[in-house]
Amino acid sequence: MTETELYKELGALTKSKDKWEENIPYVKSLLSSESLKIKAKALWLLAEMGLKYPSAVADCVPQIAGFLGSSEPLMRERAINALGRIGRADFGLIEPHWKDLFRFATDAAASVRLSFIWASENIATNTPDIYENHMSVFAELLHDKEDKVRMEAPEIFRVLGKRRPEFVRPFVEQLQKISETDDNRVVRIHSLGAIKAAAANS
C-alpha cells in the first residue's frame, strides 16, 4: 500500500468510529512507519481512540510520549495532543509524562505551544486540581507573539474558571485588560469568556 492509499484508509477509519476499538492494534503498529505523514495521522487517530477507549491505548502511551522529543514540530504537536486526549479520559495513564508537557509552553513552534494549551484544557476538564500551581505558565501565554496561541490561551482559564474559579481569580485583572486592549478580536472575546466563567462559578 502506498503512503497516499494508507493515509486515505486512515481517513476513512477516522470516520468509522464503530471500527475504532478493533483497529487500535493496527493503528498502534503505524507509529513505527517510516512515513512522517502516516505516523502523524496515527498519533492523531490514537488521540481520538484513546479518548473513547483509554485502557486499549495504555500500552502505547510511552511510545506516544517518545515523540515529544522529536525534532519535527508536527510530531511534538501530535504527541502532546494525544496525551491530552488520553489524559482527559484517564489521567493516570499519562501522569508520568504530565510535568514534561510544560516545557512545550515555550517551544519554538507556535503550533506546539498551541497544542500544549489545548492538551492542558483536555486534561483540566476532568482533573483540574493539578493545575493550581501552574497558572502563571498560562498567564505568560496570554501575551504570546502569535495570534493563534493568544486566541487559545484564555480558554484554559475558561475551562478552569468553570471548575476551580479560585485558580483564575488572581488573573482576572490581567484578562480584563487583554479583553479591552488586544488587537485580536477573538483574543478579546475569549478573555472576556474566561472572566465570565470564573465569575459565574464563584
Protein backbone atom coordinates (compact mmCIF):
# COMPACT_ATOMS: atom_id res chain seq x y z
CA MET A 1 0.00 0.00 0.00
CA THR A 2 1.35 3.42 -0.94
CA GLU A 3 1.57 6.27 1.55
CA THR A 4 -1.35 8.01 -0.18
CA GLU A 5 -3.53 4.88 -0.04
CA LEU A 6 -2.67 4.26 3.60
CA TYR A 7 -3.40 7.87 4.52
CA LYS A 8 -6.75 7.60 2.73
CA GLU A 9 -7.50 4.37 4.62
CA LEU A 10 -6.78 6.08 7.95
CA GLY A 11 -9.00 8.97 6.91
CA ALA A 12 -11.86 6.53 6.30
CA LEU A 13 -11.20 4.82 9.64
CA THR A 14 -11.35 8.20 11.40
CA LYS A 15 -14.98 8.48 10.31
CA SER A 16 -15.86 4.85 11.18
CA LYS A 17 -16.00 5.12 14.96
CA ASP A 18 -17.70 1.73 15.25
CA LYS A 19 -14.48 0.14 13.94
CA TRP A 20 -12.09 2.00 16.23
CA GLU A 21 -11.77 -0.50 19.05
CA GLU A 22 -10.89 -3.45 16.82
CA ASN A 23 -8.39 -1.36 14.83
CA ILE A 24 -6.42 0.11 17.75
CA PRO A 25 -3.62 -2.53 17.48
CA TYR A 26 -3.31 -1.81 13.74
CA VAL A 27 -3.09 1.97 14.25
CA LYS A 28 -0.54 1.45 17.05
CA SER A 29 1.65 -0.52 14.63
CA LEU A 30 1.76 2.51 12.33
CA LEU A 31 3.70 4.50 14.94
CA SER A 32 6.71 2.60 13.60
CA SER A 33 6.06 3.70 10.00
CA GLU A 34 8.92 5.33 8.11
CA SER A 35 6.50 7.97 6.84
CA LEU A 36 6.20 11.12 8.95
CA LYS A 37 2.76 11.76 7.45
CA ILE A 38 1.48 8.30 8.46
CA LYS A 39 2.95 8.49 11.97
CA ALA A 40 1.37 11.91 12.47
CA LYS A 41 -2.01 10.63 11.28
CA ALA A 42 -1.71 7.54 13.52
CA LEU A 43 -0.97 9.76 16.53
CA TRP A 44 -3.99 11.91 15.77
CA LEU A 45 -6.25 8.86 15.43
CA LEU A 46 -4.87 7.25 18.61
CA ALA A 47 -5.67 10.51 20.42
CA GLU A 48 -9.33 10.19 19.47
CA MET A 49 -9.41 6.43 20.04
CA GLY A 50 -7.74 6.97 23.41
CA LEU A 51 -10.41 9.42 24.50
CA LYS A 52 -13.06 6.76 23.82
CA TYR A 53 -11.09 3.64 24.79
CA PRO A 54 -8.28 4.78 27.12
CA SER A 55 -7.38 1.37 28.52
CA ALA A 56 -6.95 -0.01 24.99
CA VAL A 57 -4.20 2.50 24.20
CA ALA A 58 -2.50 2.35 27.63
CA ASP A 59 0.38 0.17 26.44
CA CYS A 60 1.44 2.62 23.72
CA VAL A 61 1.43 5.77 25.91
CA PRO A 62 5.23 5.52 26.48
CA GLN A 63 5.75 5.23 22.71
CA ILE A 64 3.50 8.24 22.12
CA ALA A 65 5.43 10.19 24.78
CA GLY A 66 8.64 9.27 22.98
CA PHE A 67 7.61 11.57 20.13
CA LEU A 68 7.77 14.55 22.49
CA GLY A 69 11.49 14.55 21.78
CA SER A 70 11.05 14.67 18.00
CA SER A 71 12.83 17.37 16.02
CA GLU A 72 9.67 17.64 13.87
CA PRO A 73 7.17 20.15 15.29
CA LEU A 74 4.28 18.18 13.79
CA MET A 75 5.25 15.07 15.77
CA ARG A 76 5.63 17.03 19.02
CA GLU A 77 2.28 18.68 18.39
CA ARG A 78 0.51 15.37 17.73
CA ALA A 79 2.12 13.60 20.69
CA ILE A 80 1.08 16.40 23.07
CA ASN A 81 -2.42 16.33 21.64
CA ALA A 82 -2.65 12.54 22.08
CA LEU A 83 -1.52 12.69 25.70
CA GLY A 84 -4.09 15.41 26.31
CA ARG A 85 -6.97 13.41 24.85
CA ILE A 86 -5.97 10.18 26.60
CA GLY A 87 -5.36 12.13 29.81
CA ARG A 88 -8.82 13.64 29.61
CA ALA A 89 -10.28 10.12 29.71
CA ASP A 90 -7.83 8.68 32.27
CA PHE A 91 -5.21 10.99 33.77
CA GLY A 92 -3.45 8.08 35.46
CA LEU A 93 -2.34 6.75 32.07
CA ILE A 94 -0.38 9.89 31.18
CA GLU A 95 0.55 11.12 34.65
CA PRO A 96 4.24 10.07 34.35
CA HIS A 97 4.55 12.40 31.34
CA TRP A 98 2.34 15.28 32.52
CA LYS A 99 5.03 17.52 34.02
CA ASP A 100 7.16 17.08 30.91
CA LEU A 101 4.42 18.76 28.86
CA PHE A 102 5.13 22.13 30.47
CA ARG A 103 8.40 22.59 28.60
CA PHE A 104 6.34 22.99 25.43
CA ALA A 105 4.84 26.24 26.73
CA THR A 106 7.99 27.86 25.35
CA ASP A 107 8.53 25.65 22.28
CA ALA A 108 9.93 27.44 19.24
CA ALA A 109 6.95 26.31 17.14
CA ALA A 110 3.69 28.19 17.72
CA SER A 111 1.71 25.09 16.71
CA VAL A 112 3.36 23.15 19.56
CA ARG A 113 2.66 25.89 22.12
CA LEU A 114 -0.95 25.88 20.94
CA SER A 115 -1.11 22.10 21.29
CA PHE A 116 0.21 22.36 24.85
CA ILE A 117 -2.65 24.70 25.79
CA TRP A 118 -5.22 22.52 24.08
CA ALA A 119 -3.93 19.34 25.75
CA SER A 120 -3.97 21.12 29.12
CA GLU A 121 -7.61 22.12 28.57
CA ASN A 122 -8.47 18.49 27.85
CA ILE A 123 -6.73 17.20 30.97
CA ALA A 124 -8.10 20.01 33.16
CA THR A 125 -11.66 19.17 32.12
CA ASN A 126 -11.68 16.11 34.39
CA THR A 127 -8.54 16.64 36.50
CA PRO A 128 -8.46 20.37 37.33
CA ASP A 129 -6.73 20.35 40.72
CA ILE A 130 -3.28 19.53 39.32
CA TYR A 131 -3.14 22.96 37.64
CA GLU A 132 -3.38 25.02 40.82
CA ASN A 133 0.33 25.89 40.98
CA HIS A 134 0.89 26.19 37.23
CA MET A 135 -1.40 29.05 36.26
CA SER A 136 1.46 31.50 35.73
CA VAL A 137 2.66 29.37 32.79
CA PHE A 138 -0.65 30.00 31.02
CA ALA A 139 -0.64 33.66 32.04
CA GLU A 140 2.61 34.07 30.07
CA LEU A 141 0.95 32.53 27.01
CA LEU A 142 -1.75 35.22 27.13
CA HIS A 143 0.97 37.52 25.75
CA ASP A 144 2.38 35.15 23.10
CA LYS A 145 3.60 36.81 19.93
CA GLU A 146 1.46 34.53 17.76
CA ASP A 147 -2.22 35.38 17.42
CA LYS A 148 -3.38 31.75 17.28
CA VAL A 149 -1.65 31.00 20.59
CA ARG A 150 -3.11 34.11 22.24
CA MET A 151 -6.55 33.15 20.92
CA GLU A 152 -6.37 29.78 22.71
CA ALA A 153 -4.60 30.81 25.91
CA PRO A 154 -7.68 32.34 27.62
CA GLU A 155 -9.56 29.08 27.04
CA ILE A 156 -7.64 27.21 29.74
CA PHE A 157 -8.75 29.97 32.13
CA ARG A 158 -12.33 29.47 30.96
CA VAL A 159 -12.13 25.67 31.45
CA LEU A 160 -10.66 26.07 34.93
CA GLY A 161 -12.93 29.02 35.73
CA LYS A 162 -15.89 26.66 35.47
CA ARG A 163 -14.29 24.10 37.75
CA ARG A 164 -11.86 25.93 40.04
CA PRO A 165 -12.63 29.67 39.80
CA GLU A 166 -10.23 30.36 42.67
CA PHE A 167 -7.35 29.38 40.32
CA VAL A 168 -8.42 32.07 37.86
CA ARG A 169 -9.25 34.95 40.22
CA PRO A 170 -5.63 36.18 40.56
CA PHE A 171 -5.54 36.67 36.77
CA VAL A 172 -8.91 38.38 36.25
CA GLU A 173 -7.36 41.87 36.12
CA GLN A 174 -4.88 40.72 33.51
CA LEU A 175 -7.63 39.02 31.47
CA GLN A 176 -9.77 42.16 31.75
CA LYS A 177 -7.01 44.34 30.36
CA ILE A 178 -6.45 41.91 27.47
CA SER A 179 -10.21 41.83 26.76
CA GLU A 180 -10.09 45.60 26.30
CA THR A 181 -6.76 46.14 24.57
CA ASP A 182 -5.64 43.13 22.48
CA ASP A 183 -5.52 43.77 18.74
CA ASN A 184 -7.17 40.44 18.02
CA ARG A 185 -10.97 40.34 18.38
CA VAL A 186 -11.06 36.61 19.21
CA VAL A 187 -8.47 37.08 21.96
CA ARG A 188 -10.64 39.83 23.47
CA ILE A 189 -13.79 37.66 23.29
CA HIS A 190 -12.08 34.59 24.77
CA SER A 191 -10.57 36.63 27.59
CA LEU A 192 -13.99 38.00 28.47
CA GLY A 193 -15.41 34.46 28.33
CA ALA A 194 -12.81 33.29 30.85
CA ILE A 195 -13.71 36.13 33.24
CA LYS A 196 -17.43 35.34 32.95
CA ALA A 197 -16.86 31.61 33.56
CA ALA A 198 -14.92 32.30 36.75
CA ALA A 199 -17.47 34.84 37.97
CA ALA A 200 -20.44 32.56 37.26
CA ASN A 201 -18.92 29.71 39.23
CA SER A 202 -17.56 31.65 42.19
